Amino acid sequence: MTKNNNRDSGIALVTGAGSRIGREVALGLSRLGWSVAIHYSQSHKNAQVTANDIRELGGEAEIFCADLRDEKEVKSLIPNICDKLGNVTCLINNASVFEQDNIETASLDSWLSHMQVNLQAPFFLSQAMVVQGKLAERKNIINIIDQRVLNLTPFFSSYTISKSALWTLTQTLAMSLAPEIRVNAVSPGPTLPSSRQDPEQFKQQYLATPLKKSVAPSEIVDAVLFILATPSMTGQMITIDSGQHLGWSIPETNEKSEE
């Protein structure tokens, strides 16, 4: 693993860090010396477990609750972290809503839920990093997106549109926030079963990729750490998906395995 040139640069906020990919990213950052602000919305117990695990490894972690659908709570999250830990130097926008809908079934509620958590919250959290002012340390924003933005289908419409917009946001912020803040993205493929999948359905999904394997959460962590260790990188997206974005199989085959 490439050494992280930013290992002592400060405090990382990982949204949705109580479980799944967010938890693994939080643990990975802690192992390299980062203090970690663990965000959660409802899963207080999981967030506390992640924080305790980091402390047992000798790291520093604190948990912070915020409903990412609530503008006021989003805008107060980074100031609250600054008060308790110090200025945030790395923002990992990982928390996500992932629900099935399409042009026929989508409601205003489903549309707003995806947009508020997957796009609006990352935008205003990024804005809050800027408001902190110029820091001596280099700062980073990393958005966790999805290979779907490169392999469009008519399924999961609100989710896919929100993540596609997040990829656009990644690129535009990379231009507007340079050189003080680098902005990049990681797009996972089949990493962990969704709440709608049983093990066999998940297996069918990853076997339909060119590499016929699932993505280990540690690979997503490695991609995040690579970005942090590469100071000339901005406006880029690393896709870790066993080639799923290439559309190797008929798209509907992959999507049906997630319904």
Protein backbone atom coordinates (compact mmCIF):
# COMPACT_ATOMS: atom_id res chain seq x y z
CA MET A 1 0.00 0.00 0.00
CA THR A 2 1.35 3.43 -0.92
CA LYS A 3 2.24 5.50 2.12
CA ASN A 4 -0.29 8.22 2.85
CA ASN A 5 1.50 11.56 2.58
CA ASN A 6 -1.32 13.17 4.58
CA ARG A 7 -1.36 10.74 7.49
CA ASP A 8 -0.85 13.45 10.13
CA SER A 9 -2.94 16.12 8.47
CA GLY A 10 -5.81 16.16 10.92
CA ILE A 11 -9.43 15.20 11.19
CA ALA A 12 -11.56 13.16 8.79
CA LEU A 13 -15.35 13.21 8.70
CA VAL A 14 -16.88 10.02 7.31
CA THR A 15 -20.65 10.18 6.85
CA GLY A 16 -22.53 6.95 7.44
CA ALA A 17 -19.50 5.48 9.23
CA GLY A 18 -21.37 3.15 11.54
CA SER A 19 -21.51 0.23 9.13
CA ARG A 20 -20.57 -1.23 5.76
CA ILE A 21 -18.12 0.72 3.59
CA GLY A 22 -18.19 3.80 5.82
CA ARG A 23 -17.05 1.80 8.83
CA GLU A 24 -14.17 0.25 6.89
CA VAL A 25 -13.05 3.65 5.60
CA ALA A 26 -13.13 5.10 9.12
CA LEU A 27 -11.03 2.24 10.46
CA GLY A 28 -8.59 2.50 7.55
CA LEU A 29 -8.07 6.21 8.09
CA SER A 30 -7.56 5.70 11.81
CA ARG A 31 -4.83 3.13 11.19
CA LEU A 32 -2.90 5.83 9.33
CA GLY A 33 -3.14 8.33 12.14
CA TRP A 34 -6.31 10.26 11.31
CA SER A 35 -8.70 11.40 14.01
CA VAL A 36 -12.14 10.35 12.78
CA ALA A 37 -15.50 12.04 13.18
CA ILE A 38 -18.03 9.25 12.78
CA HIS A 39 -21.35 10.49 11.46
CA TYR A 40 -24.59 8.59 11.89
CA SER A 41 -28.26 9.35 11.45
CA GLN A 42 -30.13 6.56 13.25
CA SER A 43 -27.58 3.81 13.95
CA HIS A 44 -26.14 5.19 17.21
CA LYS A 45 -25.12 1.73 18.42
CA ASN A 46 -23.18 0.92 15.24
CA ALA A 47 -21.46 4.31 15.29
CA GLN A 48 -20.44 3.78 18.91
CA VAL A 49 -19.02 0.34 18.08
CA THR A 50 -16.94 1.83 15.26
CA ALA A 51 -15.65 4.57 17.57
CA ASN A 52 -14.78 2.06 20.29
CA ASP A 53 -12.95 -0.15 17.79
CA ILE A 54 -10.87 2.83 16.66
CA ARG A 55 -10.03 3.74 20.26
CA GLU A 56 -9.00 0.15 20.98
CA LEU A 57 -6.54 0.48 18.09
CA GLY A 58 -5.10 3.56 19.79
CA GLY A 59 -6.86 6.08 17.57
CA GLU A 60 -9.12 9.05 18.24
CA ALA A 61 -12.79 9.00 17.27
CA GLU A 62 -15.98 10.80 18.21
CA ILE A 63 -19.53 10.21 17.01
CA PHE A 64 -21.84 12.91 15.65
CA CYS A 65 -25.54 12.59 14.83
CA ALA A 66 -27.16 14.47 11.95
CA ASP A 67 -30.15 13.84 9.71
CA LEU A 68 -28.73 14.49 6.25
CA ARG A 69 -32.24 15.30 5.01
CA ASP A 70 -32.33 18.28 7.36
CA GLU A 71 -30.53 21.38 6.06
CA LYS A 72 -29.92 22.84 9.52
CA GLU A 73 -28.42 19.61 10.86
CA VAL A 74 -26.19 19.26 7.80
CA LYS A 75 -24.92 22.82 8.09
CA SER A 76 -24.19 22.42 11.81
CA LEU A 77 -22.33 19.09 11.50
CA ILE A 78 -18.86 20.38 10.59
CA PRO A 79 -19.01 23.32 13.06
CA ASN A 80 -19.89 20.79 15.79
CA ILE A 81 -16.91 18.67 14.81
CA CYS A 82 -14.63 21.72 14.78
CA ASP A 83 -15.72 22.56 18.33
CA LYS A 84 -14.93 19.07 19.61
CA LEU A 85 -12.01 17.83 17.47
CA GLY A 86 -10.75 20.73 15.37
CA ASN A 87 -10.99 21.69 11.71
CA VAL A 88 -11.99 18.96 9.26
CA THR A 89 -9.26 18.33 6.69
CA CYS A 90 -10.79 15.31 4.97
CA LEU A 91 -14.48 14.87 4.12
CA ILE A 92 -15.70 11.45 2.96
CA ASN A 93 -19.28 11.74 1.65
CA ASN A 94 -20.25 8.10 2.05
CA ALA A 95 -23.79 8.09 3.48
CA SER A 96 -26.38 7.22 0.88
CA VAL A 97 -30.03 6.42 0.25
CA PHE A 98 -30.42 3.49 -2.16
CA GLU A 99 -34.03 2.60 -2.95
CA GLN A 100 -35.64 1.16 -6.05
CA ASP A 101 -37.83 3.39 -8.20
CA ASN A 102 -38.24 4.26 -11.86
CA ILE A 103 -40.06 6.84 -13.96
CA GLU A 104 -43.38 5.09 -13.31
CA THR A 105 -43.05 4.46 -9.58
CA ALA A 106 -40.99 7.40 -8.29
CA SER A 107 -42.71 9.76 -5.86
CA LEU A 108 -41.74 13.22 -4.72
CA ASP A 109 -40.74 11.72 -1.37
CA SER A 110 -38.41 9.15 -2.96
CA TRP A 111 -36.91 11.77 -5.27
CA LEU A 112 -36.28 14.25 -2.45
CA SER A 113 -34.90 11.59 -0.12
CA HIS A 114 -32.24 10.56 -2.63
CA MET A 115 -31.37 14.12 -3.62
CA GLN A 116 -31.16 15.42 -0.06
CA VAL A 117 -28.85 12.69 1.25
CA ASN A 118 -26.87 11.79 -1.88
CA LEU A 119 -26.37 15.26 -3.37
CA GLN A 120 -27.56 18.15 -1.23
CA ALA A 121 -25.76 17.01 1.93
CA PRO A 122 -22.39 16.52 0.18
CA PHE A 123 -22.76 19.97 -1.40
CA PHE A 124 -23.40 21.79 1.87
CA LEU A 125 -20.83 19.75 3.82
CA SER A 126 -18.29 20.74 1.16
CA GLN A 127 -19.37 24.35 1.56
CA ALA A 128 -18.85 24.07 5.31
CA MET A 129 -15.27 22.92 4.75
CA VAL A 130 -14.62 26.08 2.74
CA VAL A 131 -16.16 28.25 5.45
CA GLN A 132 -13.56 26.89 7.90
CA GLY A 133 -11.08 29.12 6.08
CA LYS A 134 -7.63 28.42 4.69
CA LEU A 135 -5.64 25.87 6.65
CA ALA A 136 -1.97 25.02 6.60
CA GLU A 137 -2.86 21.42 5.84
CA ARG A 138 -3.95 20.18 2.45
CA LYS A 139 -7.62 19.31 2.42
CA ASN A 140 -9.55 16.60 0.60
CA ILE A 141 -13.13 15.78 -0.30
CA ILE A 142 -13.85 12.25 -1.50
CA ASN A 143 -17.33 11.33 -2.70
CA ILE A 144 -18.42 7.70 -2.71
CA ILE A 145 -20.47 7.37 -5.89
CA ASP A 146 -21.39 4.18 -7.82
CA GLN A 147 -20.35 2.47 -11.02
CA ARG A 148 -23.94 3.02 -12.22
CA VAL A 149 -23.02 6.54 -13.33
CA LEU A 150 -20.91 4.90 -16.07
CA ASN A 151 -23.36 2.07 -16.81
CA LEU A 152 -26.77 3.71 -17.01
CA THR A 153 -30.00 1.70 -16.82
CA PRO A 154 -33.66 2.66 -16.25
CA PHE A 155 -33.62 1.06 -12.79
CA PHE A 156 -33.08 2.85 -9.46
CA SER A 157 -33.81 6.13 -11.23
CA SER A 158 -33.71 8.64 -8.36
CA TYR A 159 -30.61 6.99 -6.91
CA THR A 160 -28.74 6.91 -10.22
CA ILE A 161 -29.62 10.50 -11.06
CA SER A 162 -28.49 11.69 -7.62
CA LYS A 163 -25.18 9.84 -7.94
CA SER A 164 -24.64 11.11 -11.49
CA ALA A 165 -25.15 14.64 -10.19
CA LEU A 166 -22.68 13.92 -7.38
CA TRP A 167 -20.08 12.98 -10.01
CA THR A 168 -20.73 16.30 -11.75
CA LEU A 169 -20.42 18.05 -8.39
CA THR A 170 -17.09 16.30 -7.83
CA GLN A 171 -15.67 17.71 -11.05
CA THR A 172 -17.02 21.24 -10.65
CA LEU A 173 -15.84 21.47 -7.03
CA ALA A 174 -12.41 20.21 -8.08
CA MET A 175 -12.15 23.25 -10.32
CA SER A 176 -13.64 25.80 -7.96
CA LEU A 177 -11.84 24.68 -4.78
CA ALA A 178 -8.34 24.16 -6.22
CA PRO A 179 -5.62 24.46 -5.11
CA GLU A 180 -6.64 24.46 -1.43
CA ILE A 181 -8.99 21.46 -1.60
CA ARG A 182 -8.70 18.40 -3.83
CA VAL A 183 -11.99 16.73 -4.77
CA ASN A 184 -12.19 13.16 -6.08
CA ALA A 185 -14.51 10.17 -6.07
CA VAL A 186 -14.57 6.41 -5.64
CA SER A 187 -17.24 4.37 -7.42
CA PRO A 188 -17.79 0.88 -6.01
CA GLY A 189 -19.44 -2.02 -7.74
CA PRO A 190 -20.81 -5.16 -6.01
CA THR A 191 -19.14 -4.90 -2.61
CA LEU A 192 -21.73 -6.00 -0.04
CA PRO A 193 -25.26 -7.39 -0.48
CA SER A 194 -27.96 -4.74 -0.43
CA SER A 195 -30.91 -5.00 1.95
CA ARG A 196 -32.94 -6.46 -0.92
CA GLN A 197 -30.50 -9.24 -1.78
CA ASP A 198 -29.95 -12.67 -0.34
CA PRO A 199 -26.47 -14.25 -0.72
CA GLU A 200 -27.43 -16.09 -3.91
CA GLN A 201 -28.73 -12.94 -5.60
CA PHE A 202 -25.55 -11.08 -4.65
CA LYS A 203 -23.48 -13.93 -6.06
CA GLN A 204 -25.41 -13.77 -9.34
CA GLN A 205 -24.70 -10.06 -9.51
CA TYR A 206 -20.93 -10.24 -9.10
CA LEU A 207 -20.57 -13.34 -11.27
CA ALA A 208 -22.08 -11.26 -14.10
CA THR A 209 -19.07 -8.90 -14.00
CA PRO A 210 -16.03 -9.45 -16.25
CA LEU A 211 -13.84 -10.44 -13.28
CA LYS A 212 -16.58 -12.61 -11.75
CA LYS A 213 -15.77 -11.51 -8.21
CA SER A 214 -17.15 -9.21 -5.56
CA VAL A 215 -15.26 -6.14 -4.41
CA ALA A 216 -13.64 -6.40 -0.98
CA PRO A 217 -14.39 -3.40 1.27
CA SER A 218 -10.64 -3.12 1.82
CA GLU A 219 -10.26 -2.29 -1.89
CA ILE A 220 -12.51 0.75 -1.44
CA VAL A 221 -10.41 1.80 1.55
CA ASP A 222 -7.23 1.40 -0.52
CA ALA A 223 -8.72 3.61 -3.24
CA VAL A 224 -9.50 6.32 -0.68
CA LEU A 225 -5.98 6.12 0.75
CA PHE A 226 -4.46 6.23 -2.74
CA ILE A 227 -6.30 9.47 -3.44
CA LEU A 228 -5.07 10.96 -0.17
CA ALA A 229 -1.51 9.91 -1.01
CA THR A 230 -1.57 11.44 -4.51
CA PRO A 231 -1.32 15.24 -4.18
CA SER A 232 -1.55 15.93 -7.93
CA MET A 233 -4.90 14.16 -8.29
CA THR A 234 -8.18 16.08 -8.44
CA GLY A 235 -11.47 15.83 -10.33
CA GLN A 236 -11.01 12.09 -10.84
CA MET A 237 -13.12 9.01 -10.15
CA ILE A 238 -11.66 5.59 -9.36
CA THR A 239 -14.07 2.79 -10.25
CA ILE A 240 -13.60 -0.40 -8.20
CA ASP A 241 -16.25 -2.77 -9.53
CA SER A 242 -14.76 -5.91 -11.13
CA GLY A 243 -15.52 -4.28 -14.48
CA GLN A 244 -19.26 -3.97 -13.89
CA HIS A 245 -19.33 -0.47 -15.42
CA LEU A 246 -18.33 -1.99 -18.77
CA GLY A 247 -21.81 -3.45 -19.10
CA TRP A 248 -20.42 -6.93 -19.70
CA SER A 249 -23.77 -8.62 -19.14
CA ILE A 250 -27.23 -7.49 -20.20
CA PRO A 251 -27.93 -4.64 -17.72
CA GLU A 252 -31.32 -6.01 -16.73
CA THR A 253 -29.69 -9.22 -15.49
CA ASN A 254 -27.65 -7.30 -12.95
CA GLU A 255 -30.50 -5.03 -11.92
CA LYS A 256 -33.06 -7.79 -11.46
CA SER A 257 -30.71 -9.49 -8.97
CA GLU A 258 -31.05 -6.42 -6.73
CA GLU A 259 -34.83 -6.09 -6.71
